[in-house]
Protein backbone atom coordinates (compact mmCIF):
# COMPACT_ATOMS: atom_id res chain seq x y z
CA MET A 1 107.51 131.27 137.91
CA VAL A 2 106.83 130.18 134.24
CA ASP A 3 107.56 133.74 133.35
CA ASP A 4 110.42 133.72 135.24
CA LEU A 5 112.18 130.63 133.64
CA THR A 6 111.20 131.99 130.59
CA GLU A 7 112.80 135.04 131.01
CA LYS A 8 116.03 133.58 132.48
CA ILE A 9 116.28 131.31 129.33
CA SER A 10 115.98 134.03 126.71
CA ARG A 11 118.56 136.46 128.66
CA ARG A 12 120.81 133.37 128.85
CA ARG A 13 122.03 134.15 132.38
CA PHE A 14 123.95 131.06 132.87
CA LEU A 15 125.84 130.66 129.53
CA GLY A 16 129.70 130.88 129.55
CA ALA A 17 132.16 130.69 132.30
CA ALA A 18 131.44 131.22 135.78
CA ALA A 19 133.91 133.52 137.90
CA ALA A 20 136.46 131.14 139.65
CA THR A 21 136.20 133.56 142.67
CA ALA A 22 132.49 132.51 143.71
CA ALA A 23 132.03 130.95 146.82
CA GLY A 24 132.32 127.40 147.30
CA VAL A 25 134.18 126.74 144.07
CA MET A 26 135.95 123.37 143.68
CA ILE A 27 139.23 123.89 141.49
CA VAL A 28 140.88 120.45 140.59
CA LYS A 29 144.42 120.61 140.21
CA PRO A 30 145.49 117.20 139.67
CA GLY A 31 149.36 117.38 140.06
CA ALA A 32 149.23 119.53 143.13
CA VAL A 33 146.57 117.64 144.73
CA ARG A 34 147.75 113.89 144.25
CA GLY A 35 151.53 114.40 143.54
CA SER A 36 153.13 111.91 141.36
CA ALA A 37 152.53 112.16 137.59
CA ALA A 38 150.81 108.51 137.74
CA ASN A 39 148.40 109.95 139.92
CA SER A 40 147.88 113.52 138.50
CA ALA A 41 145.03 112.60 135.87
CA VAL A 42 141.52 114.09 136.75
CA ARG A 43 139.00 111.36 138.09
CA LEU A 44 136.06 110.46 136.04
CA GLY A 45 133.32 108.40 136.65
CA ILE A 46 130.51 107.27 134.13
CA LEU A 47 126.94 106.95 135.30
CA GLY A 48 125.38 105.00 132.58
CA CYS A 49 128.00 102.55 130.98
CA GLY A 50 126.27 101.87 127.48
CA GLY A 51 127.55 102.51 123.90
CA ARG A 52 127.45 106.57 124.35
CA GLY A 53 129.10 106.15 127.85
CA THR A 54 131.62 104.09 126.96
CA ALA A 55 132.50 106.33 123.66
CA VAL A 56 132.53 109.93 125.58
CA GLY A 57 134.38 107.92 128.62
CA THR A 58 137.23 106.74 125.90
CA GLY A 59 137.06 109.95 124.43
CA PHE A 60 138.32 111.84 127.81
CA VAL A 61 140.74 109.56 128.37
CA ASP A 62 142.41 109.84 125.06
CA ASN A 63 141.79 113.45 124.47
CA THR A 64 142.62 114.98 128.19
CA ASN A 65 144.51 113.92 131.23
CA THR A 66 141.42 112.21 132.71
CA ARG A 67 141.34 108.78 133.97
CA VAL A 68 138.42 106.72 134.59
CA VAL A 69 138.23 105.44 138.10
CA ALA A 70 134.40 104.96 138.92
CA LEU A 71 131.51 102.94 136.68
CA ALA A 72 128.05 102.89 137.57
CA ASP A 73 124.77 101.03 135.50
CA LEU A 74 121.77 99.64 136.05
CA PHE A 75 122.64 96.26 134.79
CA ALA A 76 125.58 94.11 135.66
CA ASP A 77 126.27 93.04 132.31
CA GLN A 78 127.00 96.59 131.13
CA LEU A 79 128.72 97.24 134.11
CA GLU A 80 131.43 94.31 133.73
CA ALA A 81 131.67 95.24 129.97
CA GLY A 82 132.65 99.17 130.97
CA ARG A 83 134.82 97.75 133.45
CA LYS A 84 136.79 95.09 130.97
CA HIS A 85 137.09 98.14 128.36
CA PHE A 86 138.58 100.73 130.28
CA ASP A 87 140.82 98.44 132.36
CA GLU A 88 142.36 97.31 128.74
CA HIS A 89 142.19 100.62 127.38
CA GLN A 90 143.97 102.56 130.41
CA GLN A 91 146.51 99.81 130.90
CA ALA A 92 148.57 101.62 128.12
CA LYS A 93 148.60 104.79 130.08
CA GLY A 94 149.91 103.01 133.18
CA TYR A 95 146.69 103.24 135.07
CA ALA A 96 145.62 100.32 137.57
CA ALA A 97 142.33 98.60 137.06
CA ILE A 98 139.58 100.26 138.36
CA ASP A 99 139.04 99.11 141.85
CA SER A 100 136.02 97.11 142.73
CA SER A 101 134.66 99.30 145.37
CA GLN A 102 134.13 102.05 142.66
CA LEU A 103 132.09 99.88 140.52
CA PHE A 104 128.08 100.44 141.23
CA GLN A 105 125.55 98.44 139.97
CA GLY A 106 121.42 98.48 140.42
CA PRO A 107 118.90 101.11 141.21
CA LYS A 108 120.87 102.95 143.62
CA ALA A 109 124.13 103.05 141.61
CA TYR A 110 123.49 107.00 140.50
CA GLU A 111 123.38 107.63 144.29
CA GLN A 112 126.38 105.64 145.22
CA ILE A 113 128.74 106.89 142.30
CA ALA A 114 127.52 110.69 143.12
CA ALA A 115 128.59 110.16 146.92
CA SER A 116 131.99 108.39 145.90
CA LYS A 117 134.95 110.59 147.20
CA GLU A 118 137.27 108.92 144.58
CA LEU A 119 136.41 111.23 141.58
CA ASP A 120 136.16 114.91 140.17
CA PHE A 121 133.54 114.78 137.74
CA ILE A 122 130.90 112.46 136.45
CA LEU A 123 129.83 111.69 132.77
CA VAL A 124 126.05 111.11 132.91
CA THR A 125 124.89 109.07 130.00
CA THR A 126 121.55 107.48 131.31
CA PRO A 127 118.44 107.11 129.38
CA PRO A 128 117.31 111.03 129.09
CA TYR A 129 114.26 110.33 131.48
CA PHE A 130 116.44 110.05 134.15
CA HIS A 131 118.83 113.19 133.37
CA PRO A 132 117.21 115.57 135.77
CA HIS A 133 117.11 113.75 138.71
CA HIS A 134 120.47 112.08 138.13
CA LEU A 135 121.91 115.53 137.20
CA GLU A 136 120.16 117.10 140.41
CA THR A 137 122.01 114.07 142.44
CA VAL A 138 125.32 115.07 141.11
CA VAL A 139 125.25 118.34 141.45
CA ALA A 140 124.20 118.37 144.92
CA ALA A 141 126.87 115.62 145.83
CA GLY A 142 129.47 118.68 144.71
CA ARG A 143 130.84 117.06 141.93
CA HIS A 144 131.44 118.57 138.30
CA VAL A 145 129.14 117.20 135.49
CA TYR A 146 129.12 116.42 131.77
CA CYS A 147 125.41 115.48 131.11
CA GLU A 148 124.78 114.29 127.58
CA LYS A 149 121.74 115.79 125.69
CA PRO A 150 118.90 115.81 126.13
CA VAL A 151 118.76 117.29 129.53
CA ALA A 152 115.15 116.11 129.68
CA VAL A 153 112.14 114.68 127.85
CA ASP A 154 109.18 117.08 128.81
CA VAL A 155 108.48 120.30 130.05
CA PRO A 156 109.04 120.05 133.96
CA GLY A 157 112.29 118.43 133.81
CA ALA A 158 113.72 121.25 131.68
CA LYS A 159 112.45 123.54 134.45
CA ARG A 160 114.30 121.55 137.22
CA VAL A 161 117.68 121.83 134.91
CA ILE A 162 117.65 125.30 135.01
CA ARG A 163 117.07 125.01 138.58
CA ILE A 164 119.70 122.79 139.06
CA GLY A 165 122.14 125.10 137.12
CA GLU A 166 121.37 127.88 139.53
CA LYS A 167 122.66 125.79 142.45
CA ALA A 168 125.57 124.82 140.49
CA GLN A 169 126.19 128.55 139.20
CA GLY A 170 129.76 129.43 140.32
CA LYS A 171 130.67 126.58 142.01
CA LEU A 172 130.83 123.73 139.58
CA SER A 173 131.48 123.05 135.96
CA LEU A 174 127.91 121.65 134.50
CA GLU A 175 128.51 121.13 130.56
CA VAL A 176 125.44 119.43 128.24
CA GLY A 177 126.99 117.42 125.40
CA PHE A 178 126.39 119.65 122.19
CA GLN A 179 130.10 118.85 121.08
CA ILE A 180 128.94 120.34 117.56
CA ARG A 181 129.57 124.09 119.23
CA LYS A 182 133.03 123.23 119.95
CA ALA A 183 133.86 122.08 116.45
CA PRO A 184 136.40 124.56 114.55
CA PRO A 185 134.74 124.81 111.36
CA HIS A 186 131.34 125.29 113.04
CA VAL A 187 132.69 127.87 115.11
CA GLU A 188 134.32 129.71 112.52
CA LEU A 189 131.08 129.73 110.47
CA VAL A 190 128.72 130.91 113.11
CA LYS A 191 131.27 133.39 113.88
CA ARG A 192 131.10 134.93 110.58
CA ILE A 193 127.25 134.78 110.58
CA HIS A 194 127.39 136.64 113.72
CA GLY A 195 129.74 139.22 112.14
CA GLY A 196 127.23 139.86 109.35
CA ALA A 197 128.65 137.48 106.30
CA LEU A 198 124.82 136.69 105.40
CA GLY A 199 123.27 139.99 106.04
CA LYS A 200 119.66 140.13 107.57
CA ILE A 201 118.69 136.30 107.61
CA GLY A 202 115.28 135.32 106.17
CA CYS A 203 114.99 131.80 106.31
CA GLY A 204 116.84 128.63 107.28
CA LEU A 205 116.46 124.82 106.47
CA ALA A 206 117.39 122.01 108.85
CA TYR A 207 117.32 118.25 108.81
CA TYR A 208 118.45 115.04 110.33
CA TYR A 209 117.80 112.31 108.16
CA CYS A 210 119.31 108.60 109.28
CA GLY A 211 118.35 105.07 109.32
CA HIS A 212 117.08 102.76 111.95
CA ILE A 213 118.69 102.48 115.34
CA ASP A 214 119.27 98.84 115.76
CA ARG A 215 118.92 97.02 119.20
CA PRO A 216 119.38 93.56 120.32
CA GLU A 217 116.12 91.26 121.12
CA TRP A 218 117.12 90.43 124.47
CA PRO A 219 114.90 87.22 124.45
CA SER A 220 115.21 86.50 128.13
CA ALA A 221 114.56 90.09 129.42
CA SER A 222 110.96 91.22 130.76
CA PRO A 223 109.39 93.80 128.86
CA GLU A 224 110.50 96.62 131.50
CA GLU A 225 114.00 95.37 131.00
CA LYS A 226 113.82 95.58 126.97
CA ARG A 227 112.48 99.03 127.52
CA LEU A 228 115.06 100.20 129.30
CA ARG A 229 117.92 98.29 127.75
CA ASN A 230 116.44 99.65 124.06
CA TRP A 231 115.19 103.01 125.45
CA VAL A 232 116.18 104.76 122.07
CA TRP A 233 112.92 103.17 121.09
CA ASP A 234 110.83 104.37 124.02
CA ARG A 235 109.18 107.95 123.64
CA THR A 236 108.87 108.54 127.49
CA LEU A 237 112.68 107.45 128.03
CA SER A 238 113.84 109.20 125.14
CA GLY A 239 111.61 111.85 124.46
CA ASP A 240 111.05 110.73 120.88
CA ILE A 241 113.51 111.34 118.00
CA ILE A 242 113.19 114.87 117.61
CA VAL A 243 114.26 115.44 121.26
CA GLU A 244 116.84 112.50 121.80
CA GLN A 245 118.54 112.81 118.15
CA ASN A 246 117.31 115.30 116.07
CA ILE A 247 118.04 118.25 118.91
CA HIS A 248 121.62 118.54 117.58
CA VAL A 249 120.12 120.46 114.49
CA ILE A 250 117.77 122.37 116.41
CA ASP A 251 120.72 123.63 118.72
CA MET A 252 122.44 124.53 115.95
CA CYS A 253 119.69 126.79 114.66
CA ASN A 254 119.46 128.22 118.09
CA TRP A 255 123.49 128.83 118.23
CA THR A 256 123.28 130.47 115.06
CA LEU A 257 120.17 132.48 115.37
CA GLN A 258 120.84 133.28 118.99
CA GLY A 259 117.64 132.55 120.37
CA HIS A 260 114.65 129.51 120.31
CA PRO A 261 111.72 129.70 118.03
CA GLU A 262 108.70 131.50 119.24
CA TYR A 263 106.38 129.01 117.58
CA ALA A 264 105.92 125.95 115.54
CA VAL A 265 103.86 123.93 113.43
CA GLY A 266 104.53 120.45 112.14
CA GLY A 267 103.40 116.79 111.62
CA GLY A 268 104.93 113.47 110.98
CA GLY A 269 104.12 109.83 112.03
CA ARG A 270 105.41 106.31 112.56
CA LYS A 271 104.91 104.76 109.34
CA LEU A 272 107.74 102.68 108.21
CA ARG A 273 109.68 101.61 111.71
CA THR A 274 108.46 98.03 112.81
CA ASP A 275 110.97 98.03 116.08
CA ALA A 276 108.67 97.29 119.58
CA GLY A 277 108.98 100.76 120.25
CA ASP A 278 106.58 103.60 119.91
CA CYS A 279 108.70 106.58 118.57
CA TRP A 280 107.84 108.31 115.44
CA ASP A 281 110.17 107.81 112.24
CA ASN A 282 109.64 111.06 110.71
CA PHE A 283 109.09 114.49 111.75
CA ASN A 284 108.43 117.89 109.49
CA VAL A 285 108.34 120.96 111.46
CA VAL A 286 108.43 124.85 110.45
CA PHE A 287 110.12 126.91 113.63
CA THR A 288 109.22 130.59 113.58
CA TYR A 289 112.28 132.27 115.31
CA PRO A 290 112.25 136.09 116.37
CA GLU A 291 111.89 138.82 113.39
CA HIS A 292 109.89 136.01 111.76
CA VAL A 293 112.45 133.82 110.54
CA GLN A 294 111.36 130.67 109.82
CA VAL A 295 113.27 127.41 109.46
CA SER A 296 112.10 124.48 107.73
CA PHE A 297 112.90 121.50 109.52
CA GLY A 298 112.70 117.34 108.81
CA SER A 299 114.23 114.13 110.01
CA THR A 300 114.02 110.63 109.54
CA GLN A 301 115.13 107.37 111.41
CA PHE A 302 113.88 104.14 109.66
CA ASP A 303 115.50 101.69 107.24
CA ASP A 304 118.65 102.96 105.47
CA PRO A 305 118.47 106.16 103.45
CA ALA A 306 121.85 108.11 102.95
CA PHE A 307 122.76 109.92 106.01
CA ASP A 308 122.82 113.73 106.30
CA ALA A 309 122.47 116.24 109.27
CA ALA A 310 122.53 119.98 108.11
CA ALA A 311 121.56 123.42 108.70
CA ARG A 312 121.30 126.28 105.73
CA PHE A 313 120.59 129.67 106.21
CA PHE A 314 119.62 132.62 103.48
CA GLY A 315 120.27 136.09 103.97
CA THR A 316 120.43 139.47 101.85
CA LYS A 317 124.30 138.87 101.36
CA GLY A 318 124.65 135.23 100.75
CA SER A 319 123.79 131.64 101.99
CA SER A 320 125.51 129.39 104.71
CA GLU A 321 125.68 125.32 104.50
CA VAL A 322 126.92 123.44 107.21
CA HIS A 323 126.91 119.27 107.34
CA TYR A 324 128.16 116.86 109.76
CA ASP A 325 130.96 115.43 107.47
CA TYR A 326 131.15 117.59 104.41
CA ARG A 327 130.90 121.10 103.32
CA VAL A 328 130.81 123.95 105.29
CA SER A 329 130.76 127.22 103.47
CA ILE A 330 129.28 130.64 102.83
CA VAL A 331 128.61 131.89 99.29
CA GLY A 332 127.71 135.27 98.32
CA ALA A 333 129.26 138.68 98.98
CA GLU A 334 131.67 137.32 101.73
CA PRO A 335 132.31 133.91 100.32
CA TRP A 336 134.29 131.36 102.75
CA ASP A 337 134.61 127.54 102.60
CA ALA A 338 136.29 125.29 105.27
CA GLY A 339 138.15 123.58 102.52
CA LEU A 340 135.89 119.96 103.29
CA GLY A 341 135.18 119.40 99.99
CA PRO A 342 131.69 117.57 98.76
CA ALA A 343 132.59 114.41 100.91
CA GLN A 344 136.15 113.99 101.81
CA GLY A 345 138.56 117.05 101.98
CA SER A 346 141.26 117.93 104.34
CA SER A 347 142.52 121.47 105.57
CA GLN A 348 144.86 123.02 107.68
CA PHE A 349 141.85 125.38 108.85
CA SER A 350 142.11 125.51 112.24
CA ALA A 351 145.02 125.86 114.97
CA ALA A 352 143.52 122.77 116.41
CA GLY A 353 145.23 120.58 113.36
CA THR A 354 144.22 119.02 110.14
CA PHE A 355 140.52 117.48 109.79
CA LYS A 356 138.54 115.44 107.08
CA GLY A 357 135.07 115.83 108.50
CA SER A 358 133.74 118.65 110.15
CA LEU A 359 133.04 117.22 113.54
CA ASP A 360 136.32 115.30 113.39
CA GLN A 361 137.73 117.35 116.64
CA SER A 362 134.37 118.39 118.07
CA ASP A 363 134.51 115.71 121.00
CA ALA A 364 138.22 116.26 121.74
CA GLU A 365 138.07 120.41 121.66
CA LYS A 366 134.79 119.86 123.85
CA GLN A 367 136.50 117.32 126.16
CA LYS A 368 139.39 119.53 126.70
CA TRP A 369 137.42 122.70 127.26
CA PHE A 370 135.37 121.00 129.94
CA VAL A 371 138.44 119.61 131.83
CA GLU A 372 140.49 122.62 131.68
CA SER A 373 137.44 124.42 133.23
CA ILE A 374 137.68 122.06 136.14
CA THR A 375 141.38 122.43 136.49
CA GLY A 376 141.59 126.16 135.88
CA GLY A 377 138.64 127.32 137.62
CA GLU A 378 136.73 128.69 135.16
CA PHE A 379 133.77 127.00 135.50
CA HIS A 380 130.83 126.40 132.47
CA ASN A 381 127.17 126.18 133.20
CA GLN A 382 125.44 125.17 130.30
CA ALA A 383 122.16 124.31 131.86
CA ALA A 384 119.97 126.99 130.58
CA GLN A 385 121.43 126.23 127.37
CA GLY A 386 120.57 122.57 127.40
CA ALA A 387 117.29 123.42 128.36
CA GLU A 388 116.75 125.76 125.99
CA SER A 389 117.49 123.54 123.19
CA ALA A 390 115.58 120.69 124.61
CA LEU A 391 112.61 122.75 124.81
CA SER A 392 112.75 123.90 121.29
CA ALA A 393 112.90 120.20 120.05
CA MET A 394 110.04 119.66 122.70
CA LEU A 395 108.08 122.67 120.82
CA GLY A 396 108.49 120.88 117.70
CA ARG A 397 107.38 117.53 118.98
CA THR A 398 104.39 119.12 120.93
CA ALA A 399 103.37 121.12 117.25
CA ALA A 400 103.75 117.70 115.54
CA TYR A 401 101.94 115.77 117.93
CA THR A 402 99.06 118.01 117.78
CA GLY A 403 98.87 119.14 114.57
CA LYS A 404 98.51 122.67 115.73
CA VAL A 405 100.48 126.06 115.95
CA VAL A 406 102.27 125.76 119.41
CA THR A 407 103.94 128.89 120.80
CA TRP A 408 106.75 129.27 123.02
CA ASP A 409 104.62 130.73 125.97
CA GLU A 410 102.18 127.91 125.82
CA LEU A 411 104.58 125.06 125.95
CA MET A 412 106.19 126.54 129.13
CA LYS A 413 102.78 126.23 130.65
CA SER A 414 102.94 122.48 130.13
CA GLU A 415 102.50 120.31 133.13
CA GLU A 416 102.52 117.06 131.40
CA VAL A 417 104.97 114.63 132.84
CA TYR A 418 106.41 111.95 130.68
CA ASP A 419 106.43 108.67 132.96
CA PRO A 420 107.57 105.18 131.54
CA ASN A 421 105.86 103.52 134.66
CA ILE A 422 108.68 101.41 135.40
CA ASP A 423 109.75 100.26 138.81
CA ILE A 424 113.95 100.04 138.69
CA SER A 425 113.80 99.01 142.24
CA LYS A 426 112.96 95.46 140.57
CA PHE A 427 116.71 95.33 139.17
CA ALA A 428 118.34 95.43 142.13
């Protein structure tokens, strides 16, 4: 089974659009299905009404013909905050308030929103530990799904997501939140690299340096509730910073190098952060990709250093540089520059419009692409891609935790299950 799953990831069987003619497809054509222009929006349900769920849901409303019609959350206050936000935000588009029957709260909220017949797709933005189970529930209910990264926090969870992807193939769009892959300057850069602009790539450098993520104190909450509310500090709920946050630049490396690392060695620790959690505050890992391409990776999450997330690659014909907010370029035999400048430039680089930062259009482009897949029947299935990037981050995490060289094959044999040992039924 392990070998079979590894082969499936390596061959990327589930990447790209699925054929719309496959059995059991659910194509949403809003105007035809629901008649009037006022009701023509694709209907979105949000599972997890925290900051990320609210931000991404708002993006769908602003960037696509989407209307938020249902909300679900473990906590009543977050559910109410989400309802208030979207009722006010959508009023400008003439949308009615979210019906109270489509507000689901408590430990069974994920099942209730998945069973709702009033929506077309669900955005999953719960703590990463819950992603495999919530994703499986949504897919089993026959709903298109946009799942935030990472898809899992441990190897068994990632394998479970691959199996979920198999069941969804050709029937539903299953998207994972790696919006960088739709950012116009990043897309152009990777296209040029794949076209040979760097020649034979010898090595790379990637990093994600950022400050501490502040969270409220929740003085009246129980220890379990505090962990759930501040899950980004909790290793078993988040996967640690390399899996939960740094995964974006690791995914950029996989995308650029068209594969996953074969082995890794690294270190790191928890030296400077003082929050109540157990996540590390720095990682330093060397990933070795096929053809012995080594990528040095580093990350921080403490205090308030200057933020930068980037990846660089060096080849026989030149080198590339890509940052979150500014320079995206190639120097060498085939030079190219996105025109973003050292910090705040602007460019007419893409037909998608003018941008000042390299990621300015990433969310909008990703959201449009996803919604169009639903309405047009060109379904996307990113389960294997999402699992591959999560596993790549887990490879680095395992190498750093153990201080040993860890191979991909060794990682794939892991049966370690991350369990926060929290009884969420207490929050009914």
